[in-house]
Amino acid sequence: MTAPAIRIAGAYAVLAIVWVVGSHDLLNAVGLGGNALVAKTKGVAFVLVTAVLLWFFLRREFIRRARSEEALRSTMERLAQSEADLRSIIENLPDAFYRTDLDGRVIMASPHFAREFGIPPEQVVGTRITDHYVEEDGRSRFIAALKDAGGQIRDYGIPMRRKDGELIWVTANAYIRRDPSGRALGIEGVARNTTAQHHLEERLRYLAGHDMLTGLCNRIRFEDRLQHAIARARRENRSFALLFLDLDGFKEINDTYGHHKGDEVLVIIGKRLAGVLRDSDSTARMGGDEFAALLEGDISTASARAVAEKIIAAIDAPLPDLSHRVSASVGLALYPWDGADADTLLHSADQAMYRAKRLGKNRLELGAT
């Protein structure tokens, strides 16, 4: 029985008791208790009074219930509209919205999420987000980072894999969903495909340390590697060789065929230089038609000379579709005899290279040693 029904029944019982007992005592007190007409009138009056009171209580209860139902209907309509608005927002997000349980299974996702990961929309719910991580411990690391950040993380970049195996990079903003008692329910977040941005950043990092034309190290990266080579050699008490070379006859090619053809020649020379050296050696275009090479591994003067002679022979080979040829004047400096720091070694190799040019070009000259 509902509370309103209990209240109405209680009021009716109290009224009936008061009426029966009170009216009987009152009529007896005035000497009309045995009068049949009075008794009938009393009964009719009781029915009328209780009917009026019952109508009053029921009307008030019906009005209250109607208002409650209207308020509930209005609330349900607002809730339905809010859910529709939320669904519209989620479906039109430029990012991929997702919600997972504690086991990493998707329980809700936007159409964009399905498109990004190459999953048919009807198959998204129930898929395991763990299956899309490239790194084996990718999800565990993500969860650890989320917890370390207090349950909410922003701009978390990670490589992931589409259903067809294609590698993509995403940046996620996510948080741990909890119930009112604070118990964790799962994870909710949005992820943006940043693959193009990632490749651009990688390209910029590459260009910051490499020559755009030849793909070899640039001067900045080469000098950094030279500093590290000195530190390793000093720590391990080992030697290494530095080669500095300048092309002979390159100006004539530029003047005769133009700078475009000159750039093609520089690319060819870069490939020839890299082809002679080991993968462990560092090769750089220092600027213009100047190149350098770093030969590590406790190399001797004789072995460094042999490598330099191979470089000279490789560069002196005929150039495709050109009647002109280029050669190389090479200077060789050895650590630690020709210098104990980068500037001294570079200067020693550079001076040896200029000496090779003065002495006839297309040859090798050693540093102070």
Protein backbone atom coordinates (compact mmCIF):
# COMPACT_ATOMS: atom_id res chain seq x y z
CA MET A 1 0.00 0.00 0.00
CA THR A 2 1.33 3.43 -0.98
CA ALA A 3 1.81 6.29 1.47
CA PRO A 4 -1.08 8.40 0.02
CA ALA A 5 -3.47 5.43 0.34
CA ILE A 6 -2.39 4.88 3.94
CA ARG A 7 -2.96 8.56 4.72
CA ILE A 8 -6.44 8.55 3.17
CA ALA A 9 -7.46 5.29 4.89
CA GLY A 10 -6.15 6.58 8.22
CA ALA A 11 -8.02 9.87 7.88
CA TYR A 12 -11.21 8.06 6.98
CA ALA A 13 -10.92 5.68 9.97
CA VAL A 14 -10.28 8.52 12.41
CA LEU A 15 -13.18 10.55 11.02
CA ALA A 16 -15.53 7.56 11.18
CA ILE A 17 -14.65 6.81 14.79
CA VAL A 18 -15.03 10.44 15.81
CA TRP A 19 -18.36 10.75 14.00
CA VAL A 20 -19.85 7.51 15.34
CA VAL A 21 -18.75 7.96 18.93
CA GLY A 22 -19.15 11.72 19.08
CA SER A 23 -22.56 11.93 17.38
CA HIS A 24 -23.97 9.06 19.47
CA ASP A 25 -22.88 10.70 22.74
CA LEU A 26 -24.14 14.09 21.62
CA LEU A 27 -27.60 12.81 20.60
CA ASN A 28 -27.97 10.89 23.87
CA ALA A 29 -27.04 14.02 25.79
CA VAL A 30 -29.87 16.00 24.15
CA GLY A 31 -32.37 13.14 24.41
CA LEU A 32 -32.56 12.28 20.69
CA GLY A 33 -30.57 9.08 20.72
CA GLY A 34 -33.64 6.87 20.15
CA ASN A 35 -35.22 8.95 17.38
CA ALA A 36 -35.21 6.95 14.11
CA LEU A 37 -35.38 10.00 11.87
CA VAL A 38 -32.45 11.56 13.62
CA ALA A 39 -30.48 8.31 13.30
CA LYS A 40 -31.14 8.18 9.54
CA THR A 41 -30.23 11.81 9.14
CA LYS A 42 -27.03 11.18 11.05
CA GLY A 43 -26.12 8.32 8.70
CA VAL A 44 -26.83 10.35 5.59
CA ALA A 45 -24.83 13.25 6.96
CA PHE A 46 -21.91 10.92 7.69
CA VAL A 47 -21.95 9.61 4.12
CA LEU A 48 -22.10 13.12 2.65
CA VAL A 49 -19.35 14.50 4.88
CA THR A 50 -17.03 11.56 4.28
CA ALA A 51 -17.73 11.67 0.52
CA VAL A 52 -16.82 15.35 0.42
CA LEU A 53 -13.67 14.78 2.46
CA LEU A 54 -12.73 11.74 0.43
CA TRP A 55 -13.24 13.72 -2.80
CA PHE A 56 -11.03 16.48 -1.40
CA PHE A 57 -8.24 14.12 -0.42
CA LEU A 58 -8.41 12.12 -3.65
CA ARG A 59 -8.50 15.28 -5.80
CA ARG A 60 -5.44 16.63 -4.01
CA GLU A 61 -3.69 13.27 -4.41
CA PHE A 62 -4.57 13.06 -8.11
CA ILE A 63 -3.30 16.60 -8.68
CA ARG A 64 -0.07 15.82 -6.83
CA ARG A 65 0.39 12.59 -8.78
CA ALA A 66 -0.33 14.32 -12.09
CA ARG A 67 2.26 16.96 -11.30
CA SER A 68 4.76 14.28 -10.28
CA GLU A 69 4.11 12.37 -13.49
CA GLU A 70 4.47 15.56 -15.52
CA ALA A 71 7.71 16.40 -13.74
CA LEU A 72 8.97 12.85 -14.31
CA ARG A 73 7.97 12.98 -17.98
CA SER A 74 9.68 16.35 -18.34
CA THR A 75 12.80 14.97 -16.64
CA MET A 76 12.80 11.90 -18.89
CA GLU A 77 12.40 14.10 -21.96
CA ARG A 78 15.28 16.31 -20.85
CA LEU A 79 17.37 13.21 -20.13
CA ALA A 80 16.54 11.77 -23.55
CA GLN A 81 17.42 15.10 -25.19
CA SER A 82 20.67 15.26 -23.22
CA GLU A 83 21.55 11.73 -24.31
CA ALA A 84 20.70 12.62 -27.91
CA ASP A 85 22.85 15.76 -27.68
CA LEU A 86 25.70 13.75 -26.15
CA ARG A 87 25.40 11.12 -28.86
CA SER A 88 25.38 13.83 -31.54
CA ILE A 89 28.49 15.42 -30.02
CA ILE A 90 30.27 12.07 -29.78
CA GLU A 91 29.33 11.09 -33.34
CA ASN A 92 30.57 14.40 -34.74
CA LEU A 93 33.77 14.67 -32.71
CA PRO A 94 36.88 15.18 -34.85
CA ASP A 95 38.64 12.88 -32.36
CA ALA A 96 38.00 9.25 -31.46
CA PHE A 97 35.91 8.89 -28.28
CA TYR A 98 36.08 5.62 -26.40
CA ARG A 99 35.06 4.06 -23.09
CA THR A 100 36.45 0.77 -21.82
CA ASP A 101 35.90 -1.45 -18.82
CA LEU A 102 38.69 -2.38 -16.42
CA ASP A 103 39.76 -5.25 -18.69
CA GLY A 104 40.24 -2.90 -21.63
CA ARG A 105 37.17 -3.98 -23.59
CA VAL A 106 35.38 -1.22 -25.47
CA ILE A 107 31.87 -0.63 -24.12
CA MET A 108 31.19 2.61 -26.01
CA ALA A 109 32.91 4.34 -28.93
CA SER A 110 32.30 7.00 -31.53
CA PRO A 111 32.08 6.28 -35.28
CA HIS A 112 35.37 8.16 -35.66
CA PHE A 113 37.02 5.63 -33.34
CA ALA A 114 35.84 2.82 -35.60
CA ARG A 115 37.14 4.61 -38.70
CA GLU A 116 40.54 5.39 -37.18
CA PHE A 117 41.15 1.78 -36.16
CA GLY A 118 39.57 0.27 -39.26
CA ILE A 119 36.85 -1.60 -37.35
CA PRO A 120 33.27 -1.99 -38.65
CA PRO A 121 31.05 0.17 -36.37
CA GLU A 122 28.90 -2.81 -35.41
CA GLN A 123 31.99 -4.70 -34.20
CA VAL A 124 33.58 -1.98 -32.07
CA VAL A 125 31.84 -2.79 -28.79
CA GLY A 126 33.57 -5.75 -27.17
CA THR A 127 36.91 -5.34 -28.94
CA ARG A 128 40.04 -5.26 -26.78
CA ILE A 129 41.96 -2.00 -26.91
CA THR A 130 45.08 -3.97 -25.93
CA ASP A 131 45.07 -5.62 -29.37
CA HIS A 132 45.85 -2.26 -30.99
CA TYR A 133 48.99 -1.38 -29.02
CA VAL A 134 52.20 -1.77 -31.01
CA GLU A 135 54.39 -2.29 -27.97
CA GLU A 136 53.76 -5.43 -25.95
CA ASP A 137 53.60 -3.50 -22.68
CA GLY A 138 51.89 -0.48 -24.25
CA ARG A 139 48.66 -0.68 -22.29
CA SER A 140 50.34 -1.42 -18.96
CA ARG A 141 52.61 1.59 -19.44
CA PHE A 142 49.61 3.74 -20.32
CA ILE A 143 47.75 2.60 -17.18
CA ALA A 144 50.83 3.27 -15.06
CA ALA A 145 51.18 6.78 -16.52
CA LEU A 146 47.47 7.39 -15.93
CA LYS A 147 47.74 6.39 -12.28
CA ASP A 148 50.95 8.37 -11.78
CA ALA A 149 49.12 11.45 -13.12
CA GLY A 150 46.36 11.10 -10.50
CA GLY A 151 43.83 9.32 -12.68
CA GLN A 152 43.79 11.81 -15.55
CA ILE A 153 46.33 12.24 -18.33
CA ARG A 154 46.69 14.63 -21.26
CA ASP A 155 48.60 14.49 -24.55
CA TYR A 156 49.85 10.93 -24.09
CA GLY A 157 51.47 9.91 -27.37
CA ILE A 158 51.76 6.26 -28.32
CA PRO A 159 52.06 4.13 -31.49
CA MET A 160 49.05 1.92 -32.23
CA ARG A 161 47.98 -0.41 -34.99
CA ARG A 162 44.83 -0.45 -37.09
CA LYS A 163 42.95 -3.68 -37.66
CA ASP A 164 44.65 -4.02 -41.07
CA GLY A 165 48.08 -3.72 -39.40
CA GLU A 166 48.87 -0.14 -40.44
CA LEU A 167 50.90 1.76 -37.84
CA ILE A 168 49.43 5.05 -36.62
CA TRP A 169 50.39 7.48 -33.88
CA VAL A 170 47.73 8.78 -31.50
CA THR A 171 47.67 11.34 -28.73
CA ALA A 172 45.15 10.57 -25.98
CA ASN A 173 43.45 12.50 -23.20
CA ALA A 174 41.90 10.06 -20.73
CA TYR A 175 40.71 9.59 -17.18
CA ILE A 176 39.66 6.75 -14.88
CA ARG A 177 35.85 6.51 -14.58
CA ARG A 178 34.56 5.90 -11.05
CA ASP A 179 31.19 5.25 -9.44
CA PRO A 180 29.83 7.51 -6.66
CA SER A 181 31.68 5.46 -4.06
CA GLY A 182 35.00 5.99 -5.84
CA ARG A 183 35.36 2.47 -7.23
CA ALA A 184 37.09 2.39 -10.62
CA LEU A 185 34.80 1.35 -13.50
CA GLY A 186 37.08 1.74 -16.48
CA ILE A 187 38.72 4.34 -18.69
CA GLU A 188 37.19 7.05 -20.86
CA GLY A 189 38.94 9.38 -23.24
CA VAL A 190 39.46 10.84 -26.67
CA ALA A 191 42.33 10.04 -29.02
CA ARG A 192 43.57 12.07 -31.97
CA ASN A 193 45.44 10.65 -34.94
CA THR A 194 48.77 12.53 -34.95
CA THR A 195 50.57 10.33 -37.48
CA ALA A 196 51.21 13.18 -39.93
CA GLN A 197 52.45 15.42 -37.13
CA HIS A 198 54.69 12.64 -35.81
CA HIS A 199 56.24 12.07 -39.23
CA LEU A 200 56.76 15.81 -39.64
CA GLU A 201 58.50 16.04 -36.26
CA GLU A 202 60.69 13.06 -37.18
CA ARG A 203 61.54 14.73 -40.48
CA LEU A 204 62.43 17.98 -38.74
CA ARG A 205 64.62 16.12 -36.24
CA TYR A 206 66.31 14.33 -39.13
CA LEU A 207 66.91 17.56 -41.04
CA ALA A 208 68.30 19.21 -37.92
CA GLY A 209 71.18 16.74 -38.01
CA HIS A 210 71.49 15.85 -41.69
CA ASP A 211 72.35 17.54 -44.94
CA MET A 212 69.16 18.01 -46.93
CA LEU A 213 70.83 17.32 -50.28
CA THR A 214 73.00 14.26 -49.64
CA GLY A 215 71.36 12.80 -46.51
CA LEU A 216 74.75 12.70 -44.78
CA CYS A 217 75.32 14.23 -41.36
CA ASN A 218 75.59 17.99 -41.35
CA ARG A 219 78.39 19.95 -39.66
CA ILE A 220 76.51 20.34 -36.35
CA ARG A 221 75.78 16.62 -35.99
CA PHE A 222 79.26 15.63 -37.15
CA GLU A 223 80.96 17.91 -34.62
CA ASP A 224 78.72 16.45 -31.91
CA ARG A 225 79.76 12.94 -32.93
CA LEU A 226 83.38 14.07 -32.93
CA GLN A 227 83.02 15.29 -29.33
CA HIS A 228 81.58 11.91 -28.32
CA ALA A 229 84.36 10.07 -30.17
CA ILE A 230 86.98 12.06 -28.25
CA ALA A 231 85.27 11.25 -24.94
CA ARG A 232 85.15 7.51 -25.77
CA ALA A 233 88.72 7.41 -27.01
CA ARG A 234 89.97 9.24 -23.92
CA ARG A 235 88.03 6.91 -21.62
CA GLU A 236 89.16 3.74 -23.40
CA ASN A 237 92.67 4.98 -24.25
CA ARG A 238 92.13 4.44 -27.97
CA SER A 239 92.80 6.35 -31.16
CA PHE A 240 90.69 7.32 -34.16
CA ALA A 241 91.09 9.13 -37.47
CA LEU A 242 89.47 12.23 -38.92
CA LEU A 243 89.36 12.77 -42.68
CA PHE A 244 88.60 16.16 -44.20
CA LEU A 245 88.24 16.40 -47.98
CA ASP A 246 87.44 18.99 -50.60
CA LEU A 247 86.45 18.27 -54.20
CA ASP A 248 88.81 19.28 -57.00
CA GLY A 249 87.18 20.52 -60.20
CA PHE A 250 83.71 20.92 -58.76
CA LYS A 251 83.55 24.65 -59.59
CA GLU A 252 84.01 23.86 -63.30
CA ILE A 253 80.99 21.52 -63.22
CA ASN A 254 78.84 24.22 -61.63
CA ASP A 255 80.05 26.80 -64.13
CA THR A 256 79.60 24.48 -67.12
CA TYR A 257 76.42 22.57 -66.32
CA GLY A 258 74.75 24.74 -63.69
CA HIS A 259 74.07 24.30 -60.01
CA HIS A 260 71.36 21.70 -60.54
CA LYS A 261 73.86 19.33 -62.12
CA GLY A 262 76.34 20.29 -59.41
CA ASP A 263 73.84 19.16 -56.78
CA GLU A 264 73.48 15.84 -58.59
CA VAL A 265 77.25 15.40 -58.47
CA LEU A 266 77.30 16.13 -54.72
CA VAL A 267 74.68 13.42 -54.18
CA ILE A 268 76.79 10.96 -56.20
CA ILE A 269 79.91 11.84 -54.22
CA GLY A 270 78.00 11.41 -50.94
CA LYS A 271 76.91 7.92 -52.00
CA ARG A 272 80.43 6.98 -53.10
CA LEU A 273 81.85 8.22 -49.81
CA ALA A 274 79.31 6.31 -47.75
CA GLY A 275 79.88 3.21 -49.88
CA VAL A 276 83.57 3.07 -49.01
CA LEU A 277 83.12 3.57 -45.25
CA ARG A 278 81.75 1.19 -42.63
CA ASP A 279 78.31 1.59 -41.07
CA SER A 280 80.05 2.42 -37.79
CA ASP A 281 81.91 5.35 -39.38
CA SER A 282 80.37 8.84 -39.49
CA THR A 283 80.23 10.70 -42.78
CA ALA A 284 79.24 14.34 -43.23
CA ARG A 285 78.87 17.10 -45.76
CA MET A 286 80.45 20.04 -43.99
CA GLY A 287 79.19 22.60 -46.49
CA GLY A 288 79.65 23.43 -50.17
CA ASP A 289 81.88 20.71 -51.64
CA GLU A 290 83.60 19.81 -48.37
CA PHE A 291 83.08 16.43 -46.69
CA ALA A 292 84.41 14.71 -43.57
CA ALA A 293 84.62 11.20 -42.18
CA LEU A 294 85.22 9.87 -38.69
CA LEU A 295 86.93 6.46 -38.48
CA GLU A 296 86.69 4.92 -35.01
CA GLY A 297 87.85 1.61 -33.58
CA ASP A 298 91.45 2.24 -32.52
CA ILE A 299 92.42 2.68 -36.17
CA SER A 300 96.11 2.89 -37.13
CA THR A 301 97.76 5.40 -39.44
CA ALA A 302 98.22 2.72 -42.10
CA SER A 303 94.60 1.59 -42.05
CA ALA A 304 93.36 5.21 -42.04
CA ARG A 305 95.61 5.92 -45.04
CA ALA A 306 94.19 2.85 -46.84
CA VAL A 307 90.62 4.06 -46.31
CA ALA A 308 91.54 7.54 -47.55
CA GLU A 309 93.09 6.07 -50.70
CA LYS A 310 89.88 4.11 -51.37
CA ILE A 311 87.88 7.32 -50.99
CA ILE A 312 90.13 9.15 -53.42
CA ALA A 313 89.81 6.34 -55.97
CA ALA A 314 86.03 6.15 -55.62
CA ILE A 315 85.55 9.90 -56.08
CA ASP A 316 87.95 10.02 -59.05
CA ALA A 317 85.77 7.56 -61.00
CA PRO A 318 83.98 8.98 -64.09
CA LEU A 319 80.68 10.75 -63.49
CA PRO A 320 77.61 9.54 -65.43
CA ASP A 321 76.75 11.63 -68.51
CA LEU A 322 79.54 14.13 -67.80
CA SER A 323 82.85 14.68 -69.55
CA HIS A 324 84.22 16.55 -66.56
CA ARG A 325 85.58 14.67 -63.56
CA VAL A 326 86.11 15.58 -59.94
CA SER A 327 88.74 14.36 -57.52
CA ALA A 328 89.36 14.81 -53.81
CA SER A 329 92.12 16.43 -51.80
CA VAL A 330 92.10 14.71 -48.40
CA GLY A 331 93.60 15.71 -45.07
CA LEU A 332 94.07 13.14 -42.30
CA ALA A 333 94.31 13.89 -38.55
CA LEU A 334 94.82 11.24 -35.88
CA TYR A 335 93.67 11.42 -32.27
CA PRO A 336 95.42 12.13 -29.95
CA TRP A 337 98.62 12.96 -31.86
CA ASP A 338 97.16 15.70 -34.10
CA GLY A 339 94.92 17.18 -31.42
CA ALA A 340 93.20 16.31 -28.15
CA ASP A 341 90.07 18.38 -28.78
CA ALA A 342 87.60 18.80 -31.66
CA ASP A 343 88.73 22.23 -32.83
CA THR A 344 92.40 21.23 -32.97
CA LEU A 345 91.67 18.00 -34.83
CA LEU A 346 89.44 19.75 -37.38
CA HIS A 347 92.04 22.45 -37.91
CA SER A 348 94.80 19.86 -38.35
CA ALA A 349 92.79 17.87 -40.91
CA ASP A 350 91.76 21.06 -42.70
CA GLN A 351 95.35 22.27 -42.97
CA ALA A 352 96.43 18.86 -44.27
CA MET A 353 93.68 19.03 -46.91
CA TYR A 354 94.88 22.45 -48.13
CA ARG A 355 98.42 21.08 -48.27
CA ALA A 356 97.16 18.26 -50.49
CA LYS A 357 95.63 20.85 -52.83
CA ARG A 358 98.87 22.83 -53.00
CA LEU A 359 100.86 19.70 -53.74
CA GLY A 360 98.84 18.72 -56.79
CA LYS A 361 95.32 17.72 -55.63
CA ASN A 362 93.69 14.27 -55.86
CA ARG A 363 95.93 13.07 -53.01
CA LEU A 364 96.20 12.51 -49.26
CA GLU A 365 98.22 14.48 -46.78
CA LEU A 366 98.62 13.72 -43.07
CA GLY A 367 98.38 16.18 -40.21
CA ALA A 368 101.26 17.26 -37.98
CA THR A 369 102.26 13.67 -37.40
